[in-house]
Amino acid sequence: MKVTTFISALLRLTTVLSLRGVGKSQHYDDIQSGLFTPPVKIGTRASAWPAHEIAALNAARIAGKTDDQIRKVVIDLLVFNCINSYI
């Protein structure tokens, strides 16, 4: 059995906003609307986003995906994270 380890950098809010090209309010509105993944807690007062999630969602936007298609990408990313958190 082959075990594959997936490692993704964790990016803080200012980096995520820069990569997305949106402001903080729009970013959090997108999370509430299901158009972006919620952050991962990395400490009691710190959160970050896995770099692969930013890349996947930016690629979906660049490809011209609709909001409903992007919501599907968000769900797929969340499922991927849930499955991998138990491995």
N, C-alpha and C. Protein backbone atom coordinates (compact mmCIF):
# COMPACT_ATOMS: atom_id res chain seq x y z
N MET A 1 0.85 -1.19 0.00
CA MET A 1 0.00 0.00 0.00
C MET A 1 0.88 1.24 0.00
N LYS A 2 0.63 2.13 -0.91
CA LYS A 2 1.39 3.36 -1.02
C LYS A 2 0.68 4.48 -0.27
N VAL A 3 1.40 5.16 0.59
CA VAL A 3 0.86 6.28 1.34
C VAL A 3 1.45 7.56 0.77
N THR A 4 0.58 8.47 0.41
CA THR A 4 1.03 9.75 -0.13
C THR A 4 0.79 10.84 0.89
N THR A 5 1.80 11.64 1.13
CA THR A 5 1.67 12.76 2.05
C THR A 5 1.48 14.03 1.24
N PHE A 6 0.46 14.79 1.60
CA PHE A 6 0.17 16.05 0.93
C PHE A 6 0.47 17.18 1.89
N ILE A 7 1.37 18.06 1.50
CA ILE A 7 1.73 19.19 2.35
C ILE A 7 1.42 20.48 1.59
N SER A 8 0.68 21.35 2.24
CA SER A 8 0.35 22.64 1.64
C SER A 8 0.76 23.74 2.59
N ALA A 9 1.33 24.79 2.03
CA ALA A 9 1.69 25.95 2.86
C ALA A 9 0.43 26.60 3.39
N LEU A 10 0.53 27.19 4.56
CA LEU A 10 -0.58 27.94 5.14
C LEU A 10 -0.32 29.42 4.95
N LEU A 11 -1.30 30.11 4.40
CA LEU A 11 -1.16 31.52 4.08
C LEU A 11 -2.05 32.36 4.99
N ARG A 12 -1.49 33.42 5.51
CA ARG A 12 -2.23 34.32 6.39
C ARG A 12 -3.10 35.27 5.56
N LEU A 13 -4.00 35.96 6.24
CA LEU A 13 -5.02 36.78 5.59
C LEU A 13 -4.45 37.79 4.60
N THR A 14 -3.44 38.53 4.98
CA THR A 14 -2.93 39.57 4.07
C THR A 14 -2.43 38.97 2.77
N THR A 15 -1.81 37.80 2.83
CA THR A 15 -1.33 37.14 1.63
C THR A 15 -2.50 36.65 0.78
N VAL A 16 -3.51 36.08 1.44
CA VAL A 16 -4.69 35.58 0.73
C VAL A 16 -5.40 36.73 0.01
N LEU A 17 -5.57 37.84 0.70
CA LEU A 17 -6.23 38.99 0.08
C LEU A 17 -5.45 39.49 -1.13
N SER A 18 -4.15 39.51 -1.02
CA SER A 18 -3.30 39.93 -2.13
C SER A 18 -3.43 38.98 -3.32
N LEU A 19 -3.41 37.69 -3.05
CA LEU A 19 -3.52 36.70 -4.12
C LEU A 19 -4.89 36.71 -4.78
N ARG A 20 -5.93 37.02 -4.02
CA ARG A 20 -7.28 37.06 -4.54
C ARG A 20 -7.62 38.39 -5.21
N GLY A 21 -6.97 39.44 -4.77
CA GLY A 21 -7.28 40.75 -5.32
C GLY A 21 -8.58 41.34 -4.80
N VAL A 22 -8.96 40.97 -3.57
CA VAL A 22 -10.17 41.52 -2.96
C VAL A 22 -9.83 42.08 -1.59
N GLY A 23 -10.75 42.84 -1.03
CA GLY A 23 -10.58 43.38 0.31
C GLY A 23 -11.09 42.41 1.36
N LYS A 24 -10.84 42.76 2.62
CA LYS A 24 -11.21 41.89 3.73
C LYS A 24 -12.72 41.66 3.79
N SER A 25 -13.52 42.71 3.62
CA SER A 25 -14.98 42.56 3.69
C SER A 25 -15.50 41.62 2.61
N GLN A 26 -15.01 41.80 1.39
CA GLN A 26 -15.45 40.92 0.29
C GLN A 26 -15.01 39.49 0.55
N HIS A 27 -13.83 39.31 1.08
CA HIS A 27 -13.31 37.96 1.36
C HIS A 27 -14.23 37.24 2.36
N TYR A 28 -14.55 37.91 3.45
CA TYR A 28 -15.42 37.28 4.45
C TYR A 28 -16.86 37.13 3.97
N ASP A 29 -17.32 38.04 3.11
CA ASP A 29 -18.64 37.87 2.48
C ASP A 29 -18.65 36.61 1.61
N ASP A 30 -17.56 36.39 0.88
CA ASP A 30 -17.45 35.20 0.03
C ASP A 30 -17.47 33.92 0.87
N ILE A 31 -16.83 33.94 2.03
CA ILE A 31 -16.87 32.78 2.92
C ILE A 31 -18.30 32.52 3.37
N GLN A 32 -19.00 33.58 3.78
CA GLN A 32 -20.39 33.43 4.23
C GLN A 32 -21.31 32.94 3.10
N SER A 33 -20.99 33.31 1.86
CA SER A 33 -21.80 32.93 0.71
C SER A 33 -21.43 31.56 0.14
N GLY A 34 -20.42 30.92 0.72
CA GLY A 34 -19.98 29.62 0.23
C GLY A 34 -19.10 29.70 -0.99
N LEU A 35 -18.57 30.90 -1.27
CA LEU A 35 -17.72 31.08 -2.44
C LEU A 35 -16.23 31.00 -2.09
N PHE A 36 -15.92 30.74 -0.84
CA PHE A 36 -14.53 30.59 -0.43
C PHE A 36 -14.50 29.74 0.83
N THR A 37 -13.42 29.02 1.01
CA THR A 37 -13.30 28.14 2.18
C THR A 37 -13.04 28.95 3.44
N PRO A 38 -13.52 28.46 4.57
CA PRO A 38 -13.22 29.14 5.84
C PRO A 38 -11.77 28.88 6.23
N PRO A 39 -11.24 29.71 7.12
CA PRO A 39 -9.84 29.54 7.52
C PRO A 39 -9.65 28.33 8.43
N VAL A 40 -8.40 27.93 8.54
CA VAL A 40 -7.98 26.88 9.46
C VAL A 40 -7.38 27.57 10.67
N LYS A 41 -7.80 27.18 11.86
CA LYS A 41 -7.22 27.76 13.07
C LYS A 41 -5.81 27.19 13.26
N ILE A 42 -4.84 28.08 13.41
CA ILE A 42 -3.46 27.64 13.63
C ILE A 42 -2.95 28.07 15.01
N GLY A 43 -3.82 28.67 15.77
CA GLY A 43 -3.49 29.10 17.12
C GLY A 43 -4.74 29.68 17.76
N THR A 44 -4.62 30.12 18.99
CA THR A 44 -5.80 30.64 19.67
C THR A 44 -6.32 31.92 19.02
N ARG A 45 -5.42 32.71 18.43
CA ARG A 45 -5.83 33.96 17.80
C ARG A 45 -5.31 34.08 16.37
N ALA A 46 -5.04 32.96 15.74
CA ALA A 46 -4.47 33.00 14.39
C ALA A 46 -5.17 32.00 13.47
N SER A 47 -5.40 32.44 12.23
CA SER A 47 -6.01 31.59 11.21
C SER A 47 -5.22 31.71 9.92
N ALA A 48 -5.37 30.72 9.07
CA ALA A 48 -4.68 30.72 7.78
C ALA A 48 -5.47 29.86 6.81
N TRP A 49 -5.10 29.92 5.54
CA TRP A 49 -5.73 29.12 4.49
C TRP A 49 -4.67 28.28 3.80
N PRO A 50 -4.97 27.01 3.53
CA PRO A 50 -4.03 26.19 2.76
C PRO A 50 -3.83 26.77 1.36
N ALA A 51 -2.59 26.83 0.93
CA ALA A 51 -2.26 27.44 -0.37
C ALA A 51 -2.96 26.74 -1.52
N HIS A 52 -3.13 25.42 -1.43
CA HIS A 52 -3.78 24.70 -2.54
C HIS A 52 -5.23 25.12 -2.70
N GLU A 53 -5.88 25.55 -1.62
CA GLU A 53 -7.26 26.02 -1.73
C GLU A 53 -7.33 27.35 -2.47
N ILE A 54 -6.40 28.24 -2.16
CA ILE A 54 -6.34 29.54 -2.85
C ILE A 54 -6.11 29.30 -4.34
N ALA A 55 -5.17 28.42 -4.65
CA ALA A 55 -4.85 28.12 -6.05
C ALA A 55 -6.06 27.53 -6.78
N ALA A 56 -6.75 26.60 -6.15
CA ALA A 56 -7.91 25.96 -6.79
C ALA A 56 -9.03 26.96 -7.04
N LEU A 57 -9.30 27.81 -6.06
CA LEU A 57 -10.39 28.77 -6.22
C LEU A 57 -10.03 29.88 -7.20
N ASN A 58 -8.78 30.32 -7.20
CA ASN A 58 -8.35 31.30 -8.20
C ASN A 58 -8.43 30.71 -9.60
N ALA A 59 -8.03 29.44 -9.76
CA ALA A 59 -8.10 28.78 -11.07
C ALA A 59 -9.54 28.68 -11.55
N ALA A 60 -10.47 28.41 -10.63
CA ALA A 60 -11.89 28.33 -10.99
C ALA A 60 -12.39 29.69 -11.47
N ARG A 61 -12.00 30.76 -10.78
CA ARG A 61 -12.41 32.12 -11.20
C ARG A 61 -11.82 32.46 -12.57
N ILE A 62 -10.54 32.15 -12.75
CA ILE A 62 -9.87 32.44 -14.03
C ILE A 62 -10.54 31.66 -15.17
N ALA A 63 -10.97 30.44 -14.87
CA ALA A 63 -11.62 29.61 -15.89
C ALA A 63 -13.04 30.07 -16.21
N GLY A 64 -13.54 31.05 -15.46
CA GLY A 64 -14.87 31.59 -15.74
C GLY A 64 -16.01 30.78 -15.15
N LYS A 65 -15.73 30.01 -14.12
CA LYS A 65 -16.77 29.21 -13.47
C LYS A 65 -17.83 30.13 -12.86
N THR A 66 -19.05 29.65 -12.84
CA THR A 66 -20.15 30.40 -12.23
C THR A 66 -20.04 30.30 -10.71
N ASP A 67 -20.80 31.12 -10.01
CA ASP A 67 -20.80 31.06 -8.54
C ASP A 67 -21.23 29.67 -8.05
N ASP A 68 -22.22 29.07 -8.69
CA ASP A 68 -22.65 27.73 -8.28
C ASP A 68 -21.54 26.70 -8.49
N GLN A 69 -20.80 26.82 -9.58
CA GLN A 69 -19.69 25.90 -9.82
C GLN A 69 -18.57 26.11 -8.80
N ILE A 70 -18.35 27.36 -8.41
CA ILE A 70 -17.33 27.64 -7.41
C ILE A 70 -17.76 27.11 -6.04
N ARG A 71 -19.05 27.20 -5.72
CA ARG A 71 -19.54 26.61 -4.47
C ARG A 71 -19.26 25.11 -4.44
N LYS A 72 -19.39 24.46 -5.59
CA LYS A 72 -19.09 23.02 -5.69
C LYS A 72 -17.60 22.78 -5.43
N VAL A 73 -16.74 23.63 -5.95
CA VAL A 73 -15.30 23.51 -5.69
C VAL A 73 -15.03 23.66 -4.20
N VAL A 74 -15.68 24.63 -3.56
CA VAL A 74 -15.52 24.84 -2.11
C VAL A 74 -15.93 23.58 -1.36
N ILE A 75 -17.07 23.01 -1.71
CA ILE A 75 -17.53 21.78 -1.05
C ILE A 75 -16.53 20.65 -1.25
N ASP A 76 -16.03 20.51 -2.47
CA ASP A 76 -15.04 19.46 -2.76
C ASP A 76 -13.79 19.65 -1.91
N LEU A 77 -13.34 20.89 -1.76
CA LEU A 77 -12.15 21.16 -0.94
C LEU A 77 -12.41 20.83 0.52
N LEU A 78 -13.59 21.17 1.02
CA LEU A 78 -13.93 20.87 2.41
C LEU A 78 -14.01 19.37 2.65
N VAL A 79 -14.59 18.64 1.71
CA VAL A 79 -14.66 17.17 1.82
C VAL A 79 -13.25 16.59 1.79
N PHE A 80 -12.41 17.08 0.89
CA PHE A 80 -11.02 16.62 0.81
C PHE A 80 -10.32 16.82 2.15
N ASN A 81 -10.53 17.97 2.76
CA ASN A 81 -9.89 18.25 4.06
C ASN A 81 -10.41 17.32 5.15
N CYS A 82 -11.72 17.06 5.14
CA CYS A 82 -12.30 16.15 6.14
C CYS A 82 -11.74 14.74 5.99
N ILE A 83 -11.69 14.26 4.76
CA ILE A 83 -11.19 12.91 4.52
C ILE A 83 -9.73 12.80 4.94
N ASN A 84 -8.93 13.80 4.60
CA ASN A 84 -7.50 13.74 4.90
C ASN A 84 -7.18 14.00 6.36
N SER A 85 -8.11 14.59 7.09
CA SER A 85 -7.85 14.82 8.52
C SER A 85 -7.97 13.54 9.32
N TYR A 86 -8.57 12.51 8.74
CA TYR A 86 -8.72 11.23 9.44
C TYR A 86 -7.68 10.20 9.01
N ILE A 87 -6.83 10.56 8.07
CA ILE A 87 -5.80 9.61 7.60
C ILE A 87 -4.58 9.70 8.45
